[in-house]
Amino acid sequence: MIGTCGFRRWPHRQRREPCVCSGKPNCCSMMPTVQAFDRMFQHTRHFTPELRTWDESVARSAITEIAADAVARANMTTLWPSHPMDDGLRDGNGSLYFGGAGVVWTLDYLRRVHAITEDPDLELLVSAARERHAPWFATTQYCRHASLLMGELGILLVQMRIAPDQGLADEIYALLAANSELPIVELMWGLPGCMLACIHMQSMTGDPRFIELFRLQAGRLLADLEPDDGGPIWTQDLYGRRQRWLGPVHGFAGNMLPLLRGWDWLTPEQRAVVAEAVPRTSLHMPLRRSWEATGPRLCRIVSRHHCASIATAHRASSQRLPMFRFPRRRSRPFCWVGAS
C-alpha cells in the first residue's frame, strides 16, 4: 500500500503528512483509499489469523494443500490463471515475479526439501512459461534488460535449476554480460538482479566466469552510490522519474542484497564501503524528519520495520546463515538497533 512517493495511508490515520515529492498533502495519485483495503480483504477467501502454539504438522498440512491445488490447476500450455488483483494481468504470465516461473520454482523447492510428494512435469511447465513470456515482456519499458524478476533471466534460472544444461548456462551468461552496459536501474529490472543471478549460477555450475562478471558489475554498482547526509544511497532512474528509495525491490536494500550475498567476492575496499553504508543509511534515513532541510528528497518507501530486513544481513553473519555474510565485529550493535 505504497504510492509513487512512498507515503503510506492507513485507514485509522486521519492526519495527513506532506508528501516528500511535492510538499503537498496527498499528492500521490496512487495513494490507496480505505475502500482499497476493504477490497484486499475478501471475506470469502481470507480469515483473521489466530495466535497459537507452533505446530509443524499444521504447517505441513497447509503447504501440502496449497501445493496440491497449484498442481491441480496447472495447465501445460496456459500455465496458471492470474490473480484478480494482479494489475489486470492476463492469465498465463510466465515471469518469476507474478507468473508461472515463480510457481514452478516454488514447487521444485518444496519437492527438493520433501515438503510435498506431487511430481508434476516442471520442465514442460517452465518451457511453456518461457514461450508465453516473450510477447508480454517485449511490451514493457525495460525489455532490453536482463530482468531477474520480470524478464527471461528469472525463467532461465528456474529452467537451469530443474534441467541443468551447459548450453543454457552459456545463454544465461551472455544475457547477464549484455546487461553490464545498460542503465543500472534496480533489482527488479536491472543490474542488482543480474548480480544475484551470477551468484546462483556460480553455485549451480561452479563456473568462475560468473564470479568475474559479478565483480565487474559490483564495481559499476558501487561507483553509482552517491553521498548524502543520511548515508550513501542510490538515485533510481525508474519509470521516467529520478528518486531515492530504501526498499528491497526498487531501492537501497535491493541494491545491497547482491553485494552482501557476494561478500566473499568483493575487494577489501568495496567491503569497507558496504560495511559503512548499510547501517548508516538503513537506520538513519527512515528516521529523518526534516526532509527538505537536510538534503535531497527521499521517498519513504520503508519505515523502521523494513530496516530490520537489512539488519538480518548482519544478524545472519553471526548465525552463519548461508544467505548473508558480513563482518561479525560490526553485526552486534546494528542487529540490536535494527530489531528494536
Protein backbone atom coordinates (compact mmCIF):
# COMPACT_ATOMS: atom_id res chain seq x y z
CA MET A 1 0.00 0.00 0.00
CA ILE A 2 2.62 2.48 -1.13
CA GLY A 3 2.12 5.32 -3.60
CA THR A 4 4.62 6.66 -6.05
CA CYS A 5 6.06 8.88 -3.34
CA GLY A 6 6.33 6.02 -0.87
CA PHE A 7 3.75 7.52 1.52
CA ARG A 8 1.59 5.05 3.42
CA ARG A 9 -2.01 5.81 4.20
CA TRP A 10 -3.63 3.71 6.90
CA PRO A 11 -7.41 3.60 7.41
CA HIS A 12 -7.22 4.64 11.05
CA ARG A 13 -4.94 7.62 10.45
CA GLN A 14 -6.75 10.89 9.98
CA ARG A 15 -3.75 13.22 9.97
CA ARG A 16 -2.02 13.58 6.61
CA GLU A 17 1.67 14.46 6.38
CA PRO A 18 3.01 16.48 3.45
CA CYS A 19 4.31 14.31 0.63
CA VAL A 20 8.08 14.48 0.28
CA CYS A 21 7.75 14.61 -3.52
CA SER A 22 5.83 17.89 -3.68
CA GLY A 23 5.37 19.10 -0.11
CA LYS A 24 1.61 18.90 -0.55
CA PRO A 25 -0.71 16.60 1.40
CA ASN A 26 -1.90 13.53 -0.54
CA CYS A 27 -0.24 14.45 -3.82
CA CYS A 28 0.35 10.85 -4.78
CA SER A 29 -2.09 9.64 -7.42
CA MET A 30 -1.54 6.03 -6.41
CA MET A 31 -2.39 6.57 -2.77
CA PRO A 32 -4.88 3.89 -1.70
CA THR A 33 -8.21 4.59 -0.07
CA VAL A 34 -9.91 2.85 2.80
CA GLN A 35 -12.02 1.05 0.19
CA ALA A 36 -8.84 -0.38 -1.32
CA PHE A 37 -8.04 -2.05 1.99
CA ASP A 38 -11.54 -3.49 2.07
CA ARG A 39 -11.01 -4.97 -1.38
CA MET A 40 -7.78 -6.59 -0.31
CA PHE A 41 -9.54 -8.45 2.49
CA GLN A 42 -12.01 -10.76 0.78
CA HIS A 43 -14.33 -12.32 3.33
CA THR A 44 -14.97 -15.38 1.16
CA ARG A 45 -11.25 -16.17 0.84
CA HIS A 46 -9.47 -14.68 3.85
CA PHE A 47 -9.68 -15.06 7.60
CA THR A 48 -8.22 -13.34 10.62
CA PRO A 49 -5.04 -15.17 11.71
CA GLU A 50 -5.01 -16.72 15.16
CA LEU A 51 -2.09 -16.63 17.57
CA ARG A 52 -1.42 -20.18 18.66
CA THR A 53 1.44 -22.51 19.52
CA TRP A 54 3.59 -23.56 16.59
CA ASP A 55 2.62 -26.94 15.21
CA GLU A 56 4.76 -28.31 12.39
CA SER A 57 2.10 -30.77 11.30
CA VAL A 58 -0.41 -27.96 10.76
CA ALA A 59 2.12 -26.00 8.70
CA ARG A 60 2.96 -29.04 6.59
CA SER A 61 -0.71 -29.77 6.04
CA ALA A 62 -1.31 -26.22 4.82
CA ILE A 63 1.70 -26.38 2.49
CA THR A 64 0.51 -29.70 1.09
CA GLU A 65 -2.97 -28.32 0.48
CA ILE A 66 -1.70 -25.21 -1.31
CA ALA A 67 0.79 -27.14 -3.44
CA ALA A 68 -1.80 -29.76 -4.39
CA ASP A 69 -4.15 -27.01 -5.51
CA ALA A 70 -1.40 -25.41 -7.61
CA VAL A 71 -0.57 -28.72 -9.27
CA ALA A 72 -4.23 -29.50 -9.94
CA ARG A 73 -4.77 -26.12 -11.62
CA ALA A 74 -1.62 -26.25 -13.75
CA ASN A 75 -2.09 -26.29 -17.50
CA MET A 76 0.90 -27.46 -19.51
CA THR A 77 0.16 -24.85 -22.17
CA THR A 78 -1.50 -21.91 -20.45
CA LEU A 79 0.08 -22.32 -17.01
CA TRP A 80 -1.98 -20.72 -14.21
CA PRO A 81 -4.71 -18.06 -14.07
CA SER A 82 -3.62 -14.68 -12.77
CA HIS A 83 -4.91 -13.21 -9.54
CA PRO A 84 -7.79 -10.72 -10.00
CA MET A 85 -5.72 -8.04 -8.21
CA ASP A 86 -2.54 -8.51 -10.26
CA ASP A 87 -2.84 -5.16 -12.04
CA GLY A 88 -5.08 -6.54 -14.75
CA LEU A 89 -2.52 -9.16 -15.74
CA ARG A 90 -3.70 -11.72 -18.26
CA ASP A 91 -3.74 -15.43 -17.41
CA GLY A 92 -0.65 -17.44 -18.21
CA ASN A 93 2.10 -14.91 -17.45
CA GLY A 94 5.47 -16.65 -17.39
CA SER A 95 7.62 -14.37 -15.20
CA LEU A 96 9.27 -15.20 -11.92
CA TYR A 97 7.62 -12.22 -10.22
CA PHE A 98 3.92 -12.94 -10.71
CA GLY A 99 3.89 -15.71 -13.29
CA GLY A 100 4.37 -19.37 -13.96
CA ALA A 101 8.13 -19.48 -13.36
CA GLY A 102 7.60 -18.37 -9.78
CA VAL A 103 5.11 -21.18 -9.17
CA VAL A 104 7.43 -23.74 -10.78
CA TRP A 105 10.34 -22.54 -8.67
CA THR A 106 8.24 -22.91 -5.52
CA LEU A 107 7.04 -26.40 -6.38
CA ASP A 108 10.57 -27.50 -7.23
CA TYR A 109 11.90 -26.19 -3.93
CA LEU A 110 9.15 -27.85 -1.91
CA ARG A 111 9.79 -31.10 -3.71
CA ARG A 112 13.55 -30.91 -3.07
CA VAL A 113 13.05 -30.42 0.68
CA HIS A 114 10.46 -33.23 0.74
CA ALA A 115 7.66 -30.92 1.82
CA ILE A 116 5.37 -32.24 -0.95
CA THR A 117 5.05 -35.51 -2.84
CA GLU A 118 3.50 -34.16 -6.05
CA ASP A 119 5.70 -34.64 -9.08
CA PRO A 120 4.35 -32.58 -12.00
CA ASP A 121 6.30 -32.13 -15.22
CA LEU A 122 8.07 -28.94 -14.15
CA GLU A 123 10.40 -28.96 -17.14
CA LEU A 124 7.45 -28.75 -19.51
CA LEU A 125 5.83 -26.02 -17.40
CA VAL A 126 8.93 -23.82 -17.32
CA SER A 127 9.33 -24.22 -21.08
CA ALA A 128 5.75 -23.04 -21.51
CA ALA A 129 6.49 -20.11 -19.18
CA ARG A 130 9.41 -19.03 -21.35
CA GLU A 131 7.38 -19.29 -24.54
CA ARG A 132 4.40 -17.34 -23.19
CA HIS A 133 6.57 -14.72 -21.53
CA ALA A 134 8.37 -13.29 -24.58
CA PRO A 135 5.44 -11.39 -26.19
CA TRP A 136 4.43 -9.81 -22.88
CA PHE A 137 7.96 -8.76 -21.89
CA ALA A 138 8.52 -7.16 -25.30
CA THR A 139 5.84 -4.61 -24.43
CA THR A 140 7.47 -3.50 -21.16
CA GLN A 141 9.55 -0.38 -20.69
CA TYR A 142 12.72 -2.33 -19.90
CA CYS A 143 12.50 -5.10 -22.46
CA ARG A 144 16.21 -4.71 -23.34
CA HIS A 145 17.27 -5.55 -19.78
CA ALA A 146 18.05 -8.97 -18.36
CA SER A 147 15.45 -8.63 -15.62
CA LEU A 148 15.60 -11.20 -12.82
CA LEU A 149 12.02 -10.78 -11.63
CA MET A 150 10.22 -9.67 -14.78
CA GLY A 151 12.35 -10.87 -17.68
CA GLU A 152 13.55 -14.05 -19.32
CA LEU A 153 16.52 -14.25 -16.94
CA GLY A 154 14.44 -15.44 -13.99
CA ILE A 155 12.74 -18.10 -16.12
CA LEU A 156 16.09 -19.37 -17.42
CA LEU A 157 17.43 -19.66 -13.85
CA VAL A 158 14.45 -21.82 -12.90
CA GLN A 159 14.99 -23.90 -16.02
CA MET A 160 18.67 -24.30 -15.15
CA ARG A 161 17.70 -25.47 -11.68
CA ILE A 162 15.26 -28.06 -12.99
CA ALA A 163 17.17 -29.26 -16.07
CA PRO A 164 20.84 -28.16 -15.97
CA ASP A 165 22.49 -27.79 -19.37
CA GLN A 166 25.79 -26.27 -20.50
CA GLY A 167 24.18 -24.58 -23.47
CA LEU A 168 21.62 -22.99 -21.17
CA ALA A 169 24.42 -21.82 -18.84
CA ASP A 170 26.14 -20.16 -21.79
CA GLU A 171 22.89 -18.47 -22.78
CA ILE A 172 22.39 -17.12 -19.26
CA TYR A 173 25.96 -15.82 -19.14
CA ALA A 174 25.53 -13.97 -22.43
CA LEU A 175 22.30 -12.43 -21.15
CA LEU A 176 23.96 -11.30 -17.92
CA ALA A 177 27.03 -9.89 -19.65
CA ALA A 178 24.89 -7.88 -22.09
CA ASN A 179 23.24 -6.16 -19.14
CA SER A 180 26.56 -4.74 -17.90
CA GLU A 181 26.44 -1.80 -20.29
CA LEU A 182 22.77 -0.91 -19.80
CA PRO A 183 21.43 1.55 -17.17
CA ILE A 184 21.71 0.07 -13.68
CA VAL A 185 18.03 0.58 -12.75
CA GLU A 186 17.45 -1.66 -9.65
CA LEU A 187 16.92 -5.24 -8.51
CA MET A 188 13.63 -5.89 -10.29
CA TRP A 189 14.69 -4.79 -13.76
CA GLY A 190 18.43 -4.27 -13.79
CA LEU A 191 21.98 -4.87 -12.65
CA PRO A 192 21.50 -5.91 -8.98
CA GLY A 193 19.19 -8.72 -10.13
CA CYS A 194 21.85 -9.85 -12.60
CA MET A 195 24.41 -9.94 -9.80
CA LEU A 196 22.15 -12.23 -7.78
CA ALA A 197 21.80 -14.43 -10.86
CA CYS A 198 25.62 -14.62 -11.09
CA ILE A 199 25.74 -15.89 -7.52
CA HIS A 200 23.12 -18.56 -8.18
CA MET A 201 24.74 -19.64 -11.45
CA GLN A 202 28.17 -19.98 -9.85
CA SER A 203 26.59 -22.05 -7.08
CA MET A 204 24.90 -24.36 -9.61
CA THR A 205 27.78 -24.69 -12.08
CA GLY A 206 31.00 -23.78 -10.25
CA ASP A 207 31.92 -21.71 -13.31
CA PRO A 208 34.41 -18.94 -12.32
CA ARG A 209 33.32 -16.64 -15.15
CA PHE A 210 30.19 -15.77 -13.12
CA ILE A 211 32.45 -14.57 -10.30
CA GLU A 212 34.36 -12.30 -12.66
CA LEU A 213 31.15 -10.93 -14.14
CA PHE A 214 29.78 -10.30 -10.64
CA ARG A 215 32.91 -8.35 -9.72
CA LEU A 216 32.65 -6.23 -12.84
CA GLN A 217 29.03 -5.39 -12.13
CA ALA A 218 29.68 -4.81 -8.42
CA GLY A 219 32.28 -2.19 -9.29
CA ARG A 220 29.81 -0.38 -11.51
CA LEU A 221 27.02 -0.56 -8.93
CA LEU A 222 29.17 0.81 -6.10
CA ALA A 223 30.53 3.56 -8.34
CA ASP A 224 26.97 4.82 -8.69
CA LEU A 225 26.46 5.11 -4.91
CA GLU A 226 26.01 8.78 -4.00
CA PRO A 227 26.96 10.52 -0.73
CA ASP A 228 24.20 12.04 1.38
CA ASP A 229 23.86 13.45 4.89
CA GLY A 230 21.76 10.44 5.84
CA GLY A 231 24.24 7.97 4.41
CA PRO A 232 25.28 6.81 0.92
CA ILE A 233 22.34 5.95 -1.32
CA TRP A 234 21.46 5.31 -4.96
CA THR A 235 19.22 7.59 -7.01
CA GLN A 236 16.97 5.31 -9.07
CA ASP A 237 16.16 6.38 -12.61
CA LEU A 238 12.96 4.39 -12.95
CA TYR A 239 9.67 4.80 -14.81
CA GLY A 240 10.69 8.25 -16.01
CA ARG A 241 11.45 9.61 -12.54
CA ARG A 242 14.64 10.01 -10.51
CA GLN A 243 14.02 9.18 -6.87
CA ARG A 244 15.70 7.67 -3.85
CA TRP A 245 14.18 4.55 -2.35
CA LEU A 246 15.13 2.30 0.56
CA GLY A 247 13.08 -0.79 -0.26
CA PRO A 248 14.18 -4.30 -1.28
CA VAL A 249 12.80 -4.23 -4.83
CA HIS A 250 13.39 -0.71 -6.15
CA GLY A 251 15.80 0.76 -3.63
CA PHE A 252 18.83 0.69 -1.37
CA ALA A 253 18.12 -2.66 0.27
CA GLY A 254 17.68 -4.37 -3.10
CA ASN A 255 20.95 -2.97 -4.43
CA MET A 256 22.80 -4.03 -1.29
CA LEU A 257 21.42 -7.57 -1.34
CA PRO A 258 23.75 -8.98 -4.04
CA LEU A 259 26.71 -7.17 -2.50
CA LEU A 260 26.02 -8.91 0.81
CA ARG A 261 25.37 -12.27 -0.83
CA GLY A 262 28.59 -11.94 -2.82
CA TRP A 263 30.59 -10.57 0.09
CA ASP A 264 33.49 -13.01 -0.42
CA TRP A 265 33.95 -11.78 -3.99
CA LEU A 266 34.30 -8.10 -3.08
CA THR A 267 37.62 -6.32 -2.66
CA PRO A 268 38.58 -5.06 0.83
CA GLU A 269 37.83 -1.52 -0.32
CA GLN A 270 34.37 -2.50 -1.56
CA ARG A 271 33.62 -4.33 1.68
CA ALA A 272 34.54 -1.20 3.62
CA VAL A 273 32.09 0.87 1.55
CA VAL A 274 29.26 -1.62 2.10
CA ALA A 275 30.05 -2.06 5.80
CA GLU A 276 29.84 1.70 6.33
CA ALA A 277 26.80 2.34 4.14
CA VAL A 278 24.38 -0.39 5.28
CA PRO A 279 23.97 0.55 8.96
CA ARG A 280 24.29 4.27 8.40
CA THR A 281 21.79 4.62 5.55
CA SER A 282 19.26 1.97 6.53
CA LEU A 283 18.93 3.19 10.10
CA HIS A 284 19.29 6.94 9.66
CA MET A 285 17.32 7.62 6.50
CA PRO A 286 13.87 6.38 7.69
CA LEU A 287 14.15 8.36 10.92
CA ARG A 288 14.82 11.70 9.29
CA ARG A 289 12.07 14.23 9.85
CA SER A 290 13.13 17.49 8.18
CA TRP A 291 13.33 16.04 4.69
CA GLU A 292 13.52 19.32 2.77
CA ALA A 293 16.08 20.87 5.09
CA THR A 294 18.54 18.00 5.49
CA GLY A 295 19.34 17.08 1.92
CA PRO A 296 17.93 15.60 -1.30
CA ARG A 297 14.36 14.39 -1.17
CA LEU A 298 13.91 10.80 -0.16
CA CYS A 299 10.77 8.81 -0.85
CA ARG A 300 9.86 6.99 2.33
CA ILE A 301 9.14 3.59 0.90
CA VAL A 302 10.09 1.83 4.11
CA SER A 303 9.75 2.50 7.79
CA ARG A 304 11.58 1.16 10.82
CA HIS A 305 10.38 -2.45 10.49
CA HIS A 306 11.60 -2.59 6.89
CA CYS A 307 15.07 -1.58 8.04
CA ALA A 308 15.17 -4.67 10.20
CA SER A 309 15.23 -6.72 6.99
CA ILE A 310 18.62 -5.23 6.17
CA ALA A 311 19.71 -5.86 9.74
CA THR A 312 19.00 -9.51 9.06
CA ALA A 313 22.11 -9.49 6.90
CA HIS A 314 24.22 -8.62 9.92
CA ARG A 315 22.32 -10.90 12.24
CA ALA A 316 22.73 -13.78 9.83
CA SER A 317 26.50 -13.38 9.83
CA SER A 318 26.73 -14.26 13.50
CA GLN A 319 24.43 -17.25 12.96
CA ARG A 320 26.38 -18.42 9.92
CA LEU A 321 23.35 -18.50 7.65
CA PRO A 322 24.29 -19.05 4.00
CA MET A 323 22.25 -16.15 2.60
CA PHE A 324 24.35 -13.33 4.02
CA ARG A 325 27.88 -12.96 5.22
CA PHE A 326 29.00 -9.83 6.98
CA PRO A 327 31.78 -8.86 9.41
CA ARG A 328 30.95 -10.26 12.84
CA ARG A 329 32.62 -7.36 14.59
CA ARG A 330 30.06 -4.92 13.17
CA SER A 331 26.95 -7.05 13.45
CA ARG A 332 26.07 -6.97 17.14
CA PRO A 333 25.16 -3.27 17.70
CA PHE A 334 23.46 -3.00 14.32
CA CYS A 335 21.28 -6.04 14.96
CA TRP A 336 20.20 -4.64 18.32
CA VAL A 337 19.13 -1.31 16.82
CA GLY A 338 17.56 -2.79 13.69
CA ALA A 339 15.42 -5.21 15.65
CA SER A 340 14.17 -2.67 18.17
